[in-house]
Amino acid sequence: MKELFKKFSGKRFFFLVLCVIGYFCFREVIFSYNLITNETIIGFFEELVTFSLLFLYQPILLLLSILYCVEDKFQLNKYSFWSFFMLLVSNTICIGRTIIFK
């Protein structure tokens, strides 16, 4: 378990976090401005992916990033700190928008 923890830290974890945050940025631009037609099947898959990322993956990634930050002693020049910071901001914005606007 500890080997997997070490193998997944650093750049790989950072780029995974970028992919998750990139999805929410992509979703905001494409689906909010109706650049894709409002088909039922597209909306179904979009909501399926969004809810799984929002309520399952983002909190798990945030907890992992906290563990990586504690291990790296919250150093600003480490990928773990920036992963933690981006996930914290992303979680706050996404959950806040979900509570306020829906």
N, C-alpha and C. Protein backbone atom coordinates (compact mmCIF):
# COMPACT_ATOMS: atom_id res chain seq x y z
N MET A 1 0.83 -1.20 0.00
CA MET A 1 0.00 0.00 0.00
C MET A 1 0.87 1.26 0.00
N LYS A 2 1.93 1.22 0.79
CA LYS A 2 2.80 2.39 0.87
C LYS A 2 3.54 2.62 -0.45
N GLU A 3 3.87 1.52 -1.17
CA GLU A 3 4.52 1.66 -2.46
C GLU A 3 3.59 2.32 -3.47
N LEU A 4 2.31 1.94 -3.46
CA LEU A 4 1.34 2.56 -4.35
C LEU A 4 1.17 4.03 -4.00
N PHE A 5 1.17 4.32 -2.72
CA PHE A 5 1.05 5.70 -2.25
C PHE A 5 2.22 6.54 -2.78
N LYS A 6 3.42 6.01 -2.72
CA LYS A 6 4.61 6.73 -3.21
C LYS A 6 4.61 6.83 -4.73
N LYS A 7 4.18 5.76 -5.42
CA LYS A 7 4.23 5.72 -6.87
C LYS A 7 3.26 6.73 -7.49
N PHE A 8 2.16 6.97 -6.82
CA PHE A 8 1.13 7.82 -7.39
C PHE A 8 1.30 9.29 -7.02
N SER A 9 2.21 9.61 -6.14
CA SER A 9 2.37 11.01 -5.71
C SER A 9 3.17 11.79 -6.74
N GLY A 10 3.20 13.08 -6.55
CA GLY A 10 4.00 13.95 -7.40
C GLY A 10 3.29 14.37 -8.66
N LYS A 11 4.00 14.28 -9.78
CA LYS A 11 3.48 14.76 -11.05
C LYS A 11 2.24 14.00 -11.51
N ARG A 12 2.22 12.70 -11.32
CA ARG A 12 1.06 11.92 -11.76
C ARG A 12 -0.21 12.37 -11.05
N PHE A 13 -0.13 12.56 -9.77
CA PHE A 13 -1.28 13.02 -9.01
C PHE A 13 -1.69 14.42 -9.43
N PHE A 14 -0.71 15.28 -9.65
CA PHE A 14 -0.97 16.64 -10.08
C PHE A 14 -1.72 16.68 -11.41
N PHE A 15 -1.30 15.85 -12.36
CA PHE A 15 -1.96 15.83 -13.67
C PHE A 15 -3.35 15.20 -13.60
N LEU A 16 -3.56 14.27 -12.70
CA LEU A 16 -4.90 13.74 -12.48
C LEU A 16 -5.82 14.83 -11.93
N VAL A 17 -5.32 15.60 -11.01
CA VAL A 17 -6.09 16.72 -10.47
C VAL A 17 -6.40 17.74 -11.57
N LEU A 18 -5.44 18.01 -12.43
CA LEU A 18 -5.67 18.93 -13.54
C LEU A 18 -6.76 18.42 -14.47
N CYS A 19 -6.80 17.12 -14.71
CA CYS A 19 -7.84 16.54 -15.56
C CYS A 19 -9.22 16.71 -14.94
N VAL A 20 -9.35 16.48 -13.66
CA VAL A 20 -10.63 16.62 -12.98
C VAL A 20 -11.07 18.08 -13.00
N ILE A 21 -10.18 18.99 -12.70
CA ILE A 21 -10.52 20.40 -12.70
C ILE A 21 -10.78 20.88 -14.12
N GLY A 22 -10.03 20.36 -15.07
CA GLY A 22 -10.26 20.69 -16.48
C GLY A 22 -11.64 20.28 -16.95
N TYR A 23 -12.14 19.15 -16.47
CA TYR A 23 -13.49 18.72 -16.83
C TYR A 23 -14.51 19.75 -16.38
N PHE A 24 -14.38 20.24 -15.15
CA PHE A 24 -15.35 21.20 -14.65
C PHE A 24 -15.26 22.52 -15.39
N CYS A 25 -14.06 22.93 -15.80
CA CYS A 25 -13.93 24.14 -16.63
C CYS A 25 -14.57 23.92 -17.99
N PHE A 26 -14.31 22.75 -18.60
CA PHE A 26 -14.89 22.39 -19.88
C PHE A 26 -16.41 22.35 -19.78
N ARG A 27 -16.93 21.77 -18.72
CA ARG A 27 -18.37 21.66 -18.52
C ARG A 27 -19.00 23.04 -18.40
N GLU A 28 -18.32 23.92 -17.69
CA GLU A 28 -18.85 25.27 -17.51
C GLU A 28 -18.97 25.99 -18.84
N VAL A 29 -17.97 25.88 -19.68
CA VAL A 29 -17.99 26.58 -20.96
C VAL A 29 -18.97 25.94 -21.93
N ILE A 30 -18.90 24.63 -22.09
CA ILE A 30 -19.71 23.95 -23.11
C ILE A 30 -21.17 23.85 -22.71
N PHE A 31 -21.46 23.32 -21.54
CA PHE A 31 -22.84 23.04 -21.18
C PHE A 31 -23.58 24.25 -20.63
N SER A 32 -22.91 25.18 -20.03
CA SER A 32 -23.60 26.35 -19.48
C SER A 32 -24.04 27.31 -20.58
N TYR A 33 -23.28 27.39 -21.63
CA TYR A 33 -23.62 28.30 -22.71
C TYR A 33 -24.34 27.60 -23.85
N ASN A 34 -24.76 26.36 -23.62
CA ASN A 34 -25.54 25.59 -24.59
C ASN A 34 -24.88 25.50 -25.96
N LEU A 35 -23.58 25.28 -25.97
CA LEU A 35 -22.87 25.10 -27.23
C LEU A 35 -23.14 23.72 -27.82
N ILE A 36 -23.62 22.80 -27.01
CA ILE A 36 -24.05 21.49 -27.47
C ILE A 36 -25.56 21.45 -27.32
N THR A 37 -26.22 20.82 -28.28
CA THR A 37 -27.68 20.78 -28.22
C THR A 37 -28.14 20.06 -26.96
N ASN A 38 -29.31 20.39 -26.51
CA ASN A 38 -29.85 19.85 -25.27
C ASN A 38 -30.53 18.51 -25.52
N GLU A 39 -29.79 17.53 -25.89
CA GLU A 39 -30.32 16.19 -26.08
C GLU A 39 -30.40 15.50 -24.73
N THR A 40 -31.38 14.65 -24.56
CA THR A 40 -31.58 13.96 -23.29
C THR A 40 -30.42 13.03 -22.97
N ILE A 41 -29.96 12.28 -23.96
CA ILE A 41 -28.90 11.29 -23.70
C ILE A 41 -27.58 11.99 -23.36
N ILE A 42 -27.30 13.13 -23.99
CA ILE A 42 -26.09 13.88 -23.67
C ILE A 42 -26.18 14.43 -22.24
N GLY A 43 -27.34 14.95 -21.88
CA GLY A 43 -27.54 15.47 -20.53
C GLY A 43 -27.42 14.39 -19.47
N PHE A 44 -27.92 13.19 -19.79
CA PHE A 44 -27.82 12.07 -18.85
C PHE A 44 -26.37 11.72 -18.56
N PHE A 45 -25.56 11.56 -19.61
CA PHE A 45 -24.16 11.19 -19.41
C PHE A 45 -23.36 12.33 -18.78
N GLU A 46 -23.71 13.55 -19.13
CA GLU A 46 -23.03 14.70 -18.54
C GLU A 46 -23.28 14.75 -17.03
N GLU A 47 -24.51 14.55 -16.62
CA GLU A 47 -24.84 14.55 -15.19
C GLU A 47 -24.23 13.35 -14.47
N LEU A 48 -24.19 12.22 -15.13
CA LEU A 48 -23.59 11.02 -14.54
C LEU A 48 -22.11 11.23 -14.24
N VAL A 49 -21.39 11.78 -15.19
CA VAL A 49 -19.96 12.05 -14.99
C VAL A 49 -19.76 13.16 -13.96
N THR A 50 -20.57 14.19 -14.04
CA THR A 50 -20.42 15.33 -13.13
C THR A 50 -20.64 14.92 -11.68
N PHE A 51 -21.72 14.19 -11.41
CA PHE A 51 -22.00 13.81 -10.03
C PHE A 51 -20.95 12.84 -9.49
N SER A 52 -20.47 11.93 -10.33
CA SER A 52 -19.44 11.01 -9.83
C SER A 52 -18.14 11.74 -9.54
N LEU A 53 -17.76 12.69 -10.39
CA LEU A 53 -16.55 13.46 -10.12
C LEU A 53 -16.73 14.38 -8.92
N LEU A 54 -17.89 14.99 -8.83
CA LEU A 54 -18.12 15.98 -7.78
C LEU A 54 -18.22 15.36 -6.39
N PHE A 55 -18.96 14.28 -6.27
CA PHE A 55 -19.24 13.73 -4.95
C PHE A 55 -18.41 12.50 -4.60
N LEU A 56 -17.70 11.93 -5.56
CA LEU A 56 -16.89 10.76 -5.26
C LEU A 56 -15.40 11.04 -5.41
N TYR A 57 -14.99 11.48 -6.59
CA TYR A 57 -13.56 11.62 -6.85
C TYR A 57 -12.94 12.86 -6.22
N GLN A 58 -13.61 13.99 -6.27
CA GLN A 58 -13.00 15.19 -5.72
C GLN A 58 -12.75 15.09 -4.21
N PRO A 59 -13.68 14.60 -3.40
CA PRO A 59 -13.36 14.47 -1.97
C PRO A 59 -12.25 13.46 -1.70
N ILE A 60 -12.22 12.36 -2.44
CA ILE A 60 -11.16 11.36 -2.26
C ILE A 60 -9.81 11.95 -2.65
N LEU A 61 -9.78 12.65 -3.79
CA LEU A 61 -8.53 13.29 -4.20
C LEU A 61 -8.09 14.37 -3.23
N LEU A 62 -9.05 15.08 -2.65
CA LEU A 62 -8.70 16.09 -1.65
C LEU A 62 -8.08 15.46 -0.42
N LEU A 63 -8.64 14.36 0.05
CA LEU A 63 -8.05 13.67 1.20
C LEU A 63 -6.65 13.14 0.88
N LEU A 64 -6.49 12.57 -0.31
CA LEU A 64 -5.15 12.11 -0.71
C LEU A 64 -4.16 13.27 -0.80
N SER A 65 -4.61 14.39 -1.33
CA SER A 65 -3.71 15.53 -1.44
C SER A 65 -3.31 16.07 -0.07
N ILE A 66 -4.22 15.99 0.90
CA ILE A 66 -3.87 16.39 2.27
C ILE A 66 -2.79 15.46 2.82
N LEU A 67 -2.94 14.16 2.57
CA LEU A 67 -1.91 13.21 3.03
C LEU A 67 -0.56 13.48 2.37
N TYR A 68 -0.57 13.76 1.06
CA TYR A 68 0.68 14.07 0.36
C TYR A 68 1.29 15.37 0.89
N CYS A 69 0.45 16.37 1.18
CA CYS A 69 0.97 17.63 1.72
C CYS A 69 1.58 17.46 3.09
N VAL A 70 0.95 16.67 3.92
CA VAL A 70 1.50 16.42 5.25
C VAL A 70 2.84 15.71 5.13
N GLU A 71 2.92 14.77 4.20
CA GLU A 71 4.19 14.06 3.99
C GLU A 71 5.28 15.00 3.49
N ASP A 72 4.91 15.97 2.63
CA ASP A 72 5.88 16.93 2.09
C ASP A 72 6.00 18.19 2.94
N LYS A 73 5.33 18.23 4.08
CA LYS A 73 5.39 19.35 5.03
C LYS A 73 4.91 20.67 4.42
N PHE A 74 3.90 20.60 3.56
CA PHE A 74 3.25 21.76 2.95
C PHE A 74 4.24 22.73 2.30
N GLN A 75 5.22 22.20 1.59
CA GLN A 75 6.19 23.04 0.90
C GLN A 75 5.57 23.59 -0.38
N LEU A 76 5.78 24.87 -0.64
CA LEU A 76 5.17 25.52 -1.80
C LEU A 76 5.73 25.05 -3.13
N ASN A 77 6.93 24.51 -3.14
CA ASN A 77 7.55 24.10 -4.39
C ASN A 77 7.26 22.64 -4.74
N LYS A 78 6.33 22.01 -4.06
CA LYS A 78 5.98 20.61 -4.32
C LYS A 78 4.66 20.55 -5.07
N TYR A 79 4.52 19.51 -5.90
CA TYR A 79 3.28 19.31 -6.64
C TYR A 79 2.11 19.04 -5.69
N SER A 80 2.38 18.43 -4.57
CA SER A 80 1.31 18.07 -3.63
C SER A 80 0.60 19.30 -3.08
N PHE A 81 1.35 20.35 -2.81
CA PHE A 81 0.72 21.56 -2.28
C PHE A 81 -0.20 22.18 -3.31
N TRP A 82 0.24 22.26 -4.56
CA TRP A 82 -0.58 22.88 -5.59
C TRP A 82 -1.78 22.01 -5.95
N SER A 83 -1.63 20.70 -5.85
CA SER A 83 -2.78 19.81 -6.04
C SER A 83 -3.81 20.05 -4.94
N PHE A 84 -3.33 20.15 -3.71
CA PHE A 84 -4.22 20.43 -2.58
C PHE A 84 -4.92 21.77 -2.76
N PHE A 85 -4.19 22.79 -3.11
CA PHE A 85 -4.76 24.12 -3.26
C PHE A 85 -5.81 24.15 -4.37
N MET A 86 -5.50 23.56 -5.52
CA MET A 86 -6.45 23.56 -6.63
C MET A 86 -7.70 22.76 -6.29
N LEU A 87 -7.54 21.63 -5.62
CA LEU A 87 -8.70 20.83 -5.25
C LEU A 87 -9.55 21.53 -4.19
N LEU A 88 -8.93 22.21 -3.28
CA LEU A 88 -9.68 22.93 -2.26
C LEU A 88 -10.53 24.03 -2.90
N VAL A 89 -9.94 24.79 -3.80
CA VAL A 89 -10.68 25.84 -4.49
C VAL A 89 -11.77 25.24 -5.37
N SER A 90 -11.44 24.19 -6.10
CA SER A 90 -12.42 23.54 -6.97
C SER A 90 -13.59 22.95 -6.20
N ASN A 91 -13.31 22.28 -5.09
CA ASN A 91 -14.39 21.73 -4.26
C ASN A 91 -15.28 22.84 -3.73
N THR A 92 -14.68 23.91 -3.27
CA THR A 92 -15.46 25.02 -2.74
C THR A 92 -16.36 25.62 -3.80
N ILE A 93 -15.83 25.85 -4.98
CA ILE A 93 -16.62 26.45 -6.06
C ILE A 93 -17.71 25.49 -6.54
N CYS A 94 -17.36 24.25 -6.79
CA CYS A 94 -18.33 23.29 -7.34
C CYS A 94 -19.46 23.00 -6.36
N ILE A 95 -19.14 22.75 -5.12
CA ILE A 95 -20.17 22.44 -4.14
C ILE A 95 -20.97 23.70 -3.82
N GLY A 96 -20.32 24.84 -3.77
CA GLY A 96 -21.04 26.09 -3.56
C GLY A 96 -22.01 26.40 -4.68
N ARG A 97 -21.59 26.18 -5.93
CA ARG A 97 -22.50 26.39 -7.05
C ARG A 97 -23.64 25.40 -7.06
N THR A 98 -23.36 24.17 -6.65
CA THR A 98 -24.42 23.16 -6.59
C THR A 98 -25.46 23.53 -5.55
N ILE A 99 -25.03 24.00 -4.39
CA ILE A 99 -25.96 24.36 -3.33
C ILE A 99 -26.73 25.63 -3.67
N ILE A 100 -26.07 26.62 -4.22
CA ILE A 100 -26.70 27.91 -4.47
C ILE A 100 -27.60 27.89 -5.70
N PHE A 101 -27.13 27.31 -6.81
CA PHE A 101 -27.84 27.45 -8.07
C PHE A 101 -28.76 26.29 -8.43
N LYS A 102 -28.73 25.19 -7.70
CA LYS A 102 -29.59 24.08 -8.12
C LYS A 102 -30.50 23.65 -7.04
